[in-house]
Amino acid sequence: MEALPQTSQSLKQQLRALPAPAWVLFAGTFVNRFGTFVMPMLMLYLTRIGYSPTQAGLAVGTYGAGHFAASMLGGHLADRIGRRNTIALSMFASAAVMLALSQARAYHTILALAWLAGTAAELYRPASHALIGDLVAPDQRVIGFGMYRFAVNLGFAAGPAMAGFLADKSFFYLFLGDAVTSIAYGIIALVALPHGLRTYSKEERAGEAIRVALRDRRFMAFVIATALVTVVDFQMSSTLALHIRDQGFSAATYGALISINGLLIVLFELLITNRVQRFRPQPIIAAGYALQGIGFALTGVAHTVPALAGTVVIWTLGEMLHSPMSGAYVTQLAPEKYRGRYMGLFVLTWSFGMIVGPTVGTRVYEWNPTVLWTSCAVLGLTSAALALRRVSRSE
């Protein structure tokens, strides 16, 4: 594994040193995430057209299942047809599916299209991660992944407000706006992004990349660590809301507390990333995983708005420590010819968290909230221990 290069450059110098195609990727990512209008409003839309909350929830979960499929398929395509082509395919397919979903009324059709929407819309993620690894020099990769996250979070911070405005006019505008921004990014990708590596060869045996990854003990320990902490992370959109409700606070309070997360990331993550990238990645990632678990665990003893805000600050700090470093670390671990598929497995951990976190978390919360919040600490600390584990590839 190549060593993590150290840098003494300022944040401004490092951002200036990023190659122009990387900035195109960041701009296109912002456009796409800003235009993620349908998913935040899908539950509301489906109940508005006559489906029950349970039916609507199943449709949202089906979207998550599509995300799961996209992680592996996107990694495979990134290596086989190239990063740029995979991103463009994802965007154009997503636009078509969103427009079809806007016209669907039969429930089974909605479920099928929700799955296709999740698959198409998320297909680009492994390719984007792999393209950063292709484009950005090793000593700039951590800040490159940090800037990518900045674009994602900035777009997602602004997008829901626009989605609410469009929904007040017509829900169809949500689907149209989502499709238009996806098409815009698809065109940007085809016109301005480089092809990226295409490392798949006809001589390669089916499933070879997966077998290599499964034998890579260091990588698999990291994948398991990340999967566990994503289960904790997705409590933000599920059991945290229930806890805040049960403390007697309004939905507006929940929204305000969640906004602290996005605000802190936009304001401070790049600055923190610039400071910590000089250190070995594993201890920083482990510290982030531990803080995320402990921060959510402290939710169980937070009964006032200031105390709840304090827990948000703790787990957000953990997220800001580990997230930019993780993508760069996977790039280091991945053999170049399998980079896209390694990234697919890495992105798969978030699909796992999206499905398991809310489903299991809400069940445990209904049974015993204390067990849930304690489990968050256990998962975070276990993730930290796995991230720190030193093993050789041949172990």
Protein backbone atom coordinates (compact mmCIF):
# COMPACT_ATOMS: atom_id res chain seq x y z
CA MET A 1 0.00 0.00 0.00
CA GLU A 2 1.37 3.41 -0.92
CA ALA A 3 2.05 5.68 2.05
CA LEU A 4 -0.19 8.61 2.73
CA PRO A 5 1.80 11.64 1.56
CA GLN A 6 2.17 14.56 3.91
CA THR A 7 1.71 18.18 2.92
CA SER A 8 2.42 21.51 4.53
CA GLN A 9 0.47 23.52 1.98
CA SER A 10 -2.34 25.81 3.05
CA LEU A 11 -5.91 24.90 2.19
CA LYS A 12 -5.98 27.63 -0.48
CA GLN A 13 -2.80 26.26 -2.08
CA GLN A 14 -4.15 22.74 -2.07
CA LEU A 15 -7.43 23.73 -3.65
CA ARG A 16 -5.58 25.64 -6.36
CA ALA A 17 -3.43 22.57 -7.03
CA LEU A 18 -6.43 20.35 -7.79
CA PRO A 19 -6.67 19.61 -11.54
CA ALA A 20 -9.33 21.35 -13.62
CA PRO A 21 -11.27 18.13 -14.39
CA ALA A 22 -11.68 17.56 -10.65
CA TRP A 23 -13.42 20.94 -10.38
CA VAL A 24 -15.72 19.91 -13.22
CA LEU A 25 -16.57 16.78 -11.21
CA PHE A 26 -17.28 18.88 -8.11
CA ALA A 27 -19.47 21.32 -10.08
CA GLY A 28 -21.44 18.53 -11.71
CA THR A 29 -21.87 16.81 -8.35
CA PHE A 30 -23.23 20.03 -6.85
CA VAL A 31 -25.73 20.40 -9.69
CA ASN A 32 -26.88 16.80 -9.27
CA ARG A 33 -27.20 16.91 -5.46
CA PHE A 34 -28.92 20.29 -5.55
CA GLY A 35 -31.45 18.74 -7.91
CA THR A 36 -32.23 15.77 -5.65
CA PHE A 37 -35.81 16.97 -5.30
CA VAL A 38 -37.88 13.79 -5.40
CA MET A 39 -36.44 11.64 -2.61
CA PRO A 40 -36.87 14.14 0.26
CA MET A 41 -40.50 14.58 -0.81
CA LEU A 42 -41.38 11.06 -1.99
CA MET A 43 -43.14 10.08 1.23
CA LEU A 44 -45.25 13.24 1.14
CA TYR A 45 -45.98 12.83 -2.57
CA LEU A 46 -47.18 9.23 -2.27
CA THR A 47 -49.45 9.96 0.68
CA ARG A 48 -50.80 12.97 -1.23
CA ILE A 49 -51.88 10.75 -4.14
CA GLY A 50 -53.68 8.35 -1.81
CA TYR A 51 -51.25 5.76 -0.49
CA SER A 52 -50.88 4.98 3.20
CA PRO A 53 -47.75 5.93 5.17
CA THR A 54 -46.83 2.22 5.30
CA GLN A 55 -47.09 1.88 1.53
CA ALA A 56 -45.13 5.08 1.05
CA GLY A 57 -42.46 3.89 3.48
CA LEU A 58 -42.08 0.64 1.55
CA ALA A 59 -41.55 2.62 -1.65
CA VAL A 60 -38.83 4.69 0.00
CA GLY A 61 -37.21 1.48 1.24
CA THR A 62 -37.37 0.09 -2.28
CA TYR A 63 -35.37 3.12 -3.44
CA GLY A 64 -32.77 2.14 -0.82
CA ALA A 65 -32.67 -1.37 -2.25
CA GLY A 66 -31.88 0.18 -5.64
CA HIS A 67 -29.02 2.06 -4.00
CA PHE A 68 -27.69 -1.32 -2.85
CA ALA A 69 -27.73 -2.70 -6.39
CA ALA A 70 -26.16 0.45 -7.80
CA SER A 71 -23.12 0.22 -5.55
CA MET A 72 -21.82 -3.00 -7.10
CA LEU A 73 -23.06 -2.39 -10.64
CA GLY A 74 -21.62 1.12 -10.62
CA GLY A 75 -18.21 -0.14 -9.53
CA HIS A 76 -18.22 -2.80 -12.26
CA LEU A 77 -19.21 -0.30 -14.96
CA ALA A 78 -16.66 2.25 -13.74
CA ASP A 79 -13.87 -0.23 -14.51
CA ARG A 80 -15.45 -1.67 -17.64
CA ILE A 81 -16.81 1.33 -19.61
CA GLY A 82 -14.96 4.14 -17.83
CA ARG A 83 -15.82 6.64 -15.13
CA ARG A 84 -17.22 9.35 -17.43
CA ASN A 85 -19.51 6.99 -19.30
CA THR A 86 -20.83 5.49 -16.06
CA ILE A 87 -21.62 8.94 -14.64
CA ALA A 88 -23.40 9.98 -17.84
CA LEU A 89 -25.35 6.70 -18.00
CA SER A 90 -26.44 7.18 -14.39
CA MET A 91 -27.63 10.73 -14.98
CA PHE A 92 -29.56 10.10 -18.19
CA ALA A 93 -31.15 6.91 -16.86
CA SER A 94 -32.12 8.68 -13.65
CA ALA A 95 -33.81 11.48 -15.59
CA ALA A 96 -35.86 9.00 -17.64
CA VAL A 97 -36.94 7.00 -14.58
CA MET A 98 -37.93 10.12 -12.62
CA LEU A 99 -40.17 11.31 -15.44
CA ALA A 100 -41.74 7.85 -15.67
CA LEU A 101 -42.28 7.79 -11.89
CA SER A 102 -44.11 11.12 -12.08
CA GLN A 103 -46.76 9.48 -14.27
CA ALA A 104 -47.09 6.18 -12.38
CA ARG A 105 -50.21 5.57 -10.29
CA ALA A 106 -50.40 1.78 -9.89
CA TYR A 107 -48.61 0.75 -6.70
CA HIS A 108 -46.61 -2.14 -8.16
CA THR A 109 -45.41 0.19 -10.93
CA ILE A 110 -44.36 2.80 -8.37
CA LEU A 111 -42.38 0.19 -6.44
CA ALA A 112 -40.61 -1.02 -9.59
CA LEU A 113 -39.79 2.53 -10.67
CA ALA A 114 -38.62 3.47 -7.15
CA TRP A 115 -36.14 0.58 -7.30
CA LEU A 116 -34.99 1.64 -10.76
CA ALA A 117 -34.70 5.25 -9.57
CA GLY A 118 -32.47 4.21 -6.68
CA THR A 119 -30.33 2.12 -9.00
CA ALA A 120 -30.00 4.74 -11.74
CA ALA A 121 -29.55 7.78 -9.51
CA GLU A 122 -26.81 6.20 -7.37
CA LEU A 123 -24.92 4.39 -10.13
CA TYR A 124 -22.49 7.29 -10.48
CA ARG A 125 -21.07 7.17 -6.93
CA PRO A 126 -18.36 4.50 -7.30
CA ALA A 127 -17.32 6.05 -10.63
CA SER A 128 -17.02 9.50 -9.05
CA HIS A 129 -14.90 8.17 -6.19
CA ALA A 130 -12.70 6.22 -8.60
CA LEU A 131 -12.31 9.27 -10.88
CA ILE A 132 -11.01 11.34 -7.97
CA GLY A 133 -8.40 8.63 -7.44
CA ASP A 134 -7.54 8.76 -11.16
CA LEU A 135 -7.30 12.54 -11.42
CA VAL A 136 -5.87 13.74 -8.13
CA ALA A 137 -2.24 13.24 -7.10
CA PRO A 138 -1.70 11.09 -3.99
CA ASP A 139 -0.75 14.08 -1.84
CA GLN A 140 -3.99 15.84 -2.82
CA ARG A 141 -6.48 12.98 -2.54
CA VAL A 142 -7.69 13.66 1.00
CA ILE A 143 -8.48 17.27 0.17
CA GLY A 144 -9.96 16.10 -3.15
CA PHE A 145 -12.41 13.82 -1.36
CA GLY A 146 -13.06 16.61 1.13
CA MET A 147 -13.97 18.99 -1.69
CA TYR A 148 -16.21 16.34 -3.25
CA ARG A 149 -18.07 16.02 0.06
CA PHE A 150 -18.31 19.81 0.27
CA ALA A 151 -20.04 19.87 -3.12
CA VAL A 152 -22.43 17.08 -2.07
CA ASN A 153 -23.34 18.73 1.23
CA LEU A 154 -23.67 22.22 -0.23
CA GLY A 155 -26.01 20.93 -2.93
CA PHE A 156 -28.05 18.89 -0.50
CA ALA A 157 -28.28 21.81 1.93
CA ALA A 158 -29.80 24.07 -0.71
CA GLY A 159 -31.84 21.49 -2.64
CA PRO A 160 -34.60 20.61 -0.12
CA ALA A 161 -35.61 24.27 0.20
CA MET A 162 -36.08 24.46 -3.57
CA ALA A 163 -37.90 21.11 -3.47
CA GLY A 164 -40.36 22.51 -0.94
CA PHE A 165 -40.97 25.56 -3.14
CA LEU A 166 -41.57 23.40 -6.22
CA ALA A 167 -43.87 21.01 -4.31
CA ASP A 168 -46.05 23.95 -3.28
CA LYS A 169 -46.52 24.76 -6.97
CA SER A 170 -46.90 21.22 -8.30
CA PHE A 171 -45.37 17.88 -7.39
CA PHE A 172 -44.69 17.31 -11.09
CA TYR A 173 -42.15 20.14 -10.94
CA LEU A 174 -40.17 18.05 -8.44
CA PHE A 175 -39.77 15.23 -10.95
CA LEU A 176 -39.11 17.62 -13.82
CA GLY A 177 -36.51 19.59 -11.87
CA ASP A 178 -34.80 16.40 -10.74
CA ALA A 179 -34.67 15.15 -14.33
CA VAL A 180 -33.39 18.46 -15.72
CA THR A 181 -30.51 18.68 -13.24
CA SER A 182 -29.59 15.05 -13.92
CA ILE A 183 -29.51 15.71 -17.66
CA ALA A 184 -27.40 18.82 -17.03
CA TYR A 185 -24.82 16.79 -15.13
CA GLY A 186 -24.89 14.05 -17.77
CA ILE A 187 -24.06 16.62 -20.45
CA ILE A 188 -21.33 18.15 -18.27
CA ALA A 189 -19.83 14.69 -17.82
CA LEU A 190 -19.78 13.87 -21.54
CA VAL A 191 -18.42 17.27 -22.58
CA ALA A 192 -15.96 18.14 -19.83
CA LEU A 193 -14.95 15.07 -17.81
CA PRO A 194 -12.06 12.81 -18.87
CA HIS A 195 -12.76 9.17 -19.56
CA GLY A 196 -10.91 7.92 -16.50
CA LEU A 197 -9.39 4.47 -16.35
CA ARG A 198 -10.95 1.45 -18.00
CA THR A 199 -9.16 -1.47 -16.44
CA TYR A 200 -11.47 -4.38 -17.18
CA SER A 201 -9.97 -6.88 -19.65
CA LYS A 202 -11.61 -9.72 -21.54
CA GLU A 203 -9.07 -12.10 -20.02
CA GLU A 204 -10.28 -11.28 -16.52
CA ARG A 205 -12.25 -14.12 -14.96
CA ALA A 206 -15.80 -13.42 -13.79
CA GLY A 207 -15.81 -12.26 -10.20
CA GLU A 208 -12.03 -11.94 -10.05
CA ALA A 209 -12.09 -8.44 -8.55
CA ILE A 210 -14.50 -9.49 -5.80
CA ARG A 211 -12.37 -12.50 -4.93
CA VAL A 212 -9.29 -10.29 -4.71
CA ALA A 213 -11.11 -7.83 -2.47
CA LEU A 214 -12.46 -10.58 -0.19
CA ARG A 215 -8.93 -11.93 0.29
CA ASP A 216 -7.66 -8.43 1.13
CA ARG A 217 -7.97 -8.63 4.93
CA ARG A 218 -7.02 -5.02 5.50
CA PHE A 219 -9.65 -3.76 3.08
CA MET A 220 -12.36 -6.11 4.34
CA ALA A 221 -11.72 -5.09 7.96
CA PHE A 222 -12.20 -1.50 6.86
CA VAL A 223 -15.38 -2.33 4.90
CA ILE A 224 -16.89 -4.04 7.96
CA ALA A 225 -15.88 -1.12 10.18
CA THR A 226 -17.52 1.35 7.82
CA ALA A 227 -20.67 -0.75 7.47
CA LEU A 228 -21.10 -0.81 11.26
CA VAL A 229 -20.69 2.94 11.63
CA THR A 230 -23.15 3.64 8.82
CA VAL A 231 -25.82 1.83 10.86
CA VAL A 232 -25.15 4.45 13.54
CA ASP A 233 -25.10 7.29 11.01
CA PHE A 234 -28.57 6.51 9.67
CA GLN A 235 -30.09 6.95 13.13
CA MET A 236 -29.97 10.63 12.22
CA SER A 237 -32.93 10.24 9.87
CA SER A 238 -34.86 7.72 11.96
CA THR A 239 -34.57 7.22 15.72
CA LEU A 240 -33.09 10.66 16.41
CA ALA A 241 -36.33 12.16 15.14
CA LEU A 242 -38.33 9.82 17.40
CA HIS A 243 -36.21 10.74 20.44
CA ILE A 244 -36.66 14.46 19.81
CA ARG A 245 -40.41 13.94 19.41
CA ASP A 246 -40.58 11.92 22.63
CA GLN A 247 -38.82 14.70 24.51
CA GLY A 248 -41.74 16.95 23.58
CA PHE A 249 -40.06 18.97 20.84
CA SER A 250 -41.50 19.84 17.44
CA ALA A 251 -40.50 18.73 13.96
CA ALA A 252 -39.09 22.21 13.47
CA THR A 253 -36.70 21.58 16.37
CA TYR A 254 -35.57 18.35 14.75
CA GLY A 255 -35.01 20.16 11.46
CA ALA A 256 -33.02 22.90 13.17
CA LEU A 257 -30.81 20.37 14.97
CA ILE A 258 -30.14 18.45 11.77
CA SER A 259 -29.26 21.68 10.01
CA ILE A 260 -26.39 22.08 12.50
CA ASN A 261 -24.82 19.01 10.92
CA GLY A 262 -24.89 20.46 7.42
CA LEU A 263 -23.80 23.90 8.56
CA LEU A 264 -20.79 22.58 10.44
CA ILE A 265 -19.73 20.44 7.49
CA VAL A 266 -19.94 23.33 5.03
CA LEU A 267 -18.11 25.74 7.33
CA PHE A 268 -15.42 23.56 8.89
CA GLU A 269 -14.87 20.20 7.18
CA LEU A 270 -12.32 21.38 4.62
CA LEU A 271 -10.38 23.25 7.31
CA ILE A 272 -10.31 20.16 9.53
CA THR A 273 -9.37 17.94 6.59
CA ASN A 274 -6.45 20.23 5.74
CA ARG A 275 -5.19 19.85 9.32
CA VAL A 276 -5.54 16.11 9.78
CA GLN A 277 -4.44 14.84 6.35
CA ARG A 278 -0.78 14.97 7.43
CA PHE A 279 -1.41 12.10 9.86
CA ARG A 280 -1.76 8.39 9.15
CA PRO A 281 -5.31 7.72 7.96
CA GLN A 282 -6.25 4.82 10.23
CA PRO A 283 -6.04 6.65 13.60
CA ILE A 284 -7.96 9.64 12.23
CA ILE A 285 -10.68 7.45 10.73
CA ALA A 286 -10.88 5.42 13.96
CA ALA A 287 -11.23 8.59 16.04
CA GLY A 288 -14.03 9.72 13.74
CA TYR A 289 -15.87 6.40 14.01
CA ALA A 290 -15.56 6.44 17.79
CA LEU A 291 -16.82 10.03 18.09
CA GLN A 292 -19.77 9.27 15.83
CA GLY A 293 -20.80 6.31 17.99
CA ILE A 294 -20.29 8.19 21.26
CA GLY A 295 -22.10 11.28 19.98
CA PHE A 296 -25.21 9.30 19.07
CA ALA A 297 -25.00 7.33 22.33
CA LEU A 298 -25.12 10.59 24.30
CA THR A 299 -28.48 11.34 22.66
CA GLY A 300 -30.03 9.00 25.23
CA VAL A 301 -29.08 11.36 28.08
CA ALA A 302 -29.78 14.60 26.19
CA HIS A 303 -33.17 16.01 27.17
CA THR A 304 -32.79 19.71 26.36
CA VAL A 305 -32.21 21.48 23.05
CA PRO A 306 -28.69 22.68 24.02
CA ALA A 307 -27.74 19.16 25.12
CA LEU A 308 -29.10 17.67 21.90
CA ALA A 309 -27.22 20.30 19.90
CA GLY A 310 -24.06 19.27 21.75
CA THR A 311 -24.49 15.65 20.69
CA VAL A 312 -24.97 16.75 17.08
CA VAL A 313 -21.67 18.66 17.27
CA ILE A 314 -19.87 15.56 18.61
CA TRP A 315 -21.08 13.11 15.98
CA THR A 316 -20.68 15.69 13.22
CA LEU A 317 -17.05 16.16 14.26
CA GLY A 318 -16.62 12.41 13.95
CA GLU A 319 -18.13 12.49 10.47
CA MET A 320 -15.86 15.36 9.41
CA LEU A 321 -12.79 13.46 10.60
CA HIS A 322 -13.45 10.14 8.92
CA SER A 323 -15.40 10.84 5.73
CA PRO A 324 -12.84 12.66 3.52
CA MET A 325 -10.01 10.46 4.81
CA SER A 326 -11.94 7.23 4.10
CA GLY A 327 -12.24 7.73 0.34
CA ALA A 328 -8.54 8.52 0.03
CA TYR A 329 -7.69 5.49 2.18
CA VAL A 330 -9.69 3.13 -0.04
CA THR A 331 -7.91 4.60 -3.07
CA GLN A 332 -4.60 3.68 -1.41
CA LEU A 333 -5.76 0.16 -0.62
CA ALA A 334 -7.26 -0.61 -4.04
CA PRO A 335 -5.15 -2.13 -6.83
CA GLU A 336 -5.46 0.28 -9.76
CA LYS A 337 -7.10 -2.29 -12.07
CA TYR A 338 -9.85 -2.91 -9.48
CA ARG A 339 -10.26 0.66 -8.22
CA GLY A 340 -13.83 1.08 -9.43
CA ARG A 341 -14.98 -2.19 -7.91
CA TYR A 342 -13.22 -1.55 -4.62
CA MET A 343 -15.06 1.78 -4.53
CA GLY A 344 -18.27 -0.08 -5.29
CA LEU A 345 -17.77 -2.27 -2.23
CA PHE A 346 -16.96 0.81 -0.15
CA VAL A 347 -20.12 2.62 -1.31
CA LEU A 348 -22.06 -0.60 -0.62
CA THR A 349 -21.48 0.00 3.10
CA TRP A 350 -23.68 3.09 2.93
CA SER A 351 -26.38 1.13 1.14
CA PHE A 352 -26.18 -1.38 3.98
CA GLY A 353 -26.55 1.39 6.56
CA MET A 354 -29.44 2.96 4.67
CA ILE A 355 -31.39 -0.31 4.80
CA VAL A 356 -30.36 -1.74 8.17
CA GLY A 357 -29.93 1.43 10.25
CA PRO A 358 -33.51 2.78 10.20
CA THR A 359 -35.14 -0.68 10.08
CA VAL A 360 -33.31 -2.23 13.04
CA GLY A 361 -32.86 1.05 14.88
CA THR A 362 -36.56 1.85 15.07
CA ARG A 363 -37.38 -1.67 16.26
CA VAL A 364 -34.77 -1.52 19.01
CA TYR A 365 -35.90 1.99 19.98
CA GLU A 366 -39.51 0.86 20.35
CA TRP A 367 -38.34 -2.01 22.56
CA ASN A 368 -35.81 -0.12 24.69
CA PRO A 369 -34.29 3.28 23.78
CA THR A 370 -31.42 2.82 26.23
CA VAL A 371 -30.32 -0.33 24.42
CA LEU A 372 -30.36 1.53 21.11
CA TRP A 373 -28.20 4.45 22.26
CA THR A 374 -25.79 2.12 24.09
CA SER A 375 -25.52 0.03 20.93
CA CYS A 376 -24.47 3.14 19.00
CA ALA A 377 -21.45 3.50 21.30
CA VAL A 378 -20.62 -0.19 20.95
CA LEU A 379 -20.84 -0.07 17.16
CA GLY A 380 -18.77 3.11 16.95
CA LEU A 381 -16.01 1.73 19.19
CA THR A 382 -16.02 -1.61 17.38
CA SER A 383 -15.70 0.23 14.06
CA ALA A 384 -12.79 2.21 15.48
CA ALA A 385 -11.01 -0.97 16.59
CA LEU A 386 -11.48 -2.59 13.17
CA ALA A 387 -10.25 0.55 11.39
CA LEU A 388 -7.07 0.47 13.48
CA ARG A 389 -6.44 -3.20 12.85
CA ARG A 390 -3.13 -3.83 11.14
CA VAL A 391 -3.04 -6.88 8.91
CA SER A 392 -1.13 -7.86 5.83
CA ARG A 393 -2.90 -8.58 2.57
CA SER A 394 -1.72 -12.18 2.74
CA GLU A 395 -2.85 -12.81 6.31
